[in-house]
Amino acid sequence: MTFDFDTVIERRGTDSQKWQKYAGRDILPLWVADMDFKSPPAVVAALQERVAHGVFGYARPVKSTVDAFVDAMQRRYGWRVDPAWLVWLPGLVVGLNVTAQAFAQAGDEVLTLTPIYPPFMSAPKNSGRVSVTVPMRLDAAARRWEIDWDALERAVTPRTKLFFLCNPHNPVARVWRRDELERLAEFCVRHQLVLCSDEIHCDLILDPLPHLPTALLGDAVARRTITLMAPSKTYNVPGLGTSIAIIPDPELRARFVRASAGIVAEVTSLGFVACEAAYRDSEPWRQALLQTLRGNRDHLLDFTARELPGIQVEAPIEATYLAWLNVSALRLGDPIAHFEKHGVGLSDGAFFGMPRGSHVRLNFGCPRATLVEALTRMKRALAAR
């Protein structure tokens, strides 16, 4: 089958947060992690069939929806997920917030590595917990972001209760290797920390690297791990609000459910339908998407190296459709405003825990024509400094 990733879909004037941000301005939005591709045909068809049914009451997942997700985990990662482990959520960020409330008290600490997706730092603070960040180190010789293990150990205190992991990592597009995950697992077991592993980008690995679910590292870590997954990023359905917490330990699962009671909205019928069609029927589309993203990534890397002096891709983009760009050499006081002035909307690295002006994040999950135009505008922005 062939799929269309080239047609530019008009999203101006729609409910898109991504495009509404720059309404009335000639700015290409490459900021939020929301692709400009149509969702898989199987997902669209399943939603159309469900809408034709015409009744949209409170929903629960049917067996075929659960089976689609469980079967995908088995096929892709060799992970035998018991359906009883699943807690359905209306978004992955919800899962981070519920985890902070369920497994830490006010004043307790939640560890995470920076740079990091901003809700990893804000979720603990939302309920009076303390976010403790441990900066990663960039190994310039190896061109690889690394965990500073000594700093991580020093960060642990008697009030540390949780560790938030992002695998693959947003924004540095890093796939963590088995030895690193094993060391993190040992760290969490030794310090009796609950491990919350955000694996929402696990189906978007661009290099020939395996994704290893953290909970597969052994019973000791599985008993203290909450894995968060969703079809949203891979199949471009974030607006349908469907995510899954996989919690093997019954005590942890009960605490998680209690913490969510009365404050977490239910997943909608359309969200369940999209989830099932994504995991059950959309693998050919996913493979075609990965090829498109690899091509976009390679074009971005080549263009940046040749045409964007002062902008550096510090490490390989192993996964996701997000490029982490070092712009510190440009010495721009506000790189976001500068690139917006020249027609490109990016994410500010300061939101991810980095010094303002040092980094930006670029979303290349778009038709090639959009990416080419955005990079051309960035080139003009550099010439206009």
Foldseek 3Di string as FASTA:
>chain_A
DDDDQFDQDDPAPHPDPQRVVQHPAQFQRFADLFFRDAFDPLLVVLLVVVVVVPDWDFDDFDPLLLCLVQVLCCVAAVDRADSVQKDKALDVLVVLLLLLVLWADQAAEEEEEPLADLSNQVSNVVHRYHYDYQYWDQPQVQLDTHRPVVSVVVRDDPRYAAYEAEAVTPPLLRHDDPVVLLVVLVVCLVSVHQYEYEDAFQLFFQDPDGHHPSLVSDDSNLQRYWYKYACCSQRRPSVQRIIIIGRPHPVSVVSSVVSPPPPTDGRTPSRSSSSSSCSRPCPVVSVVLSVQLNVLQVVVQVCCVPQPPQKDQSHDNRGRQKTKIFNVSLVDQAVQVLLVVLRYHWAFSVSSPDPGPTITMGGSSHNSVSSVVSSVSSSVSSVVD
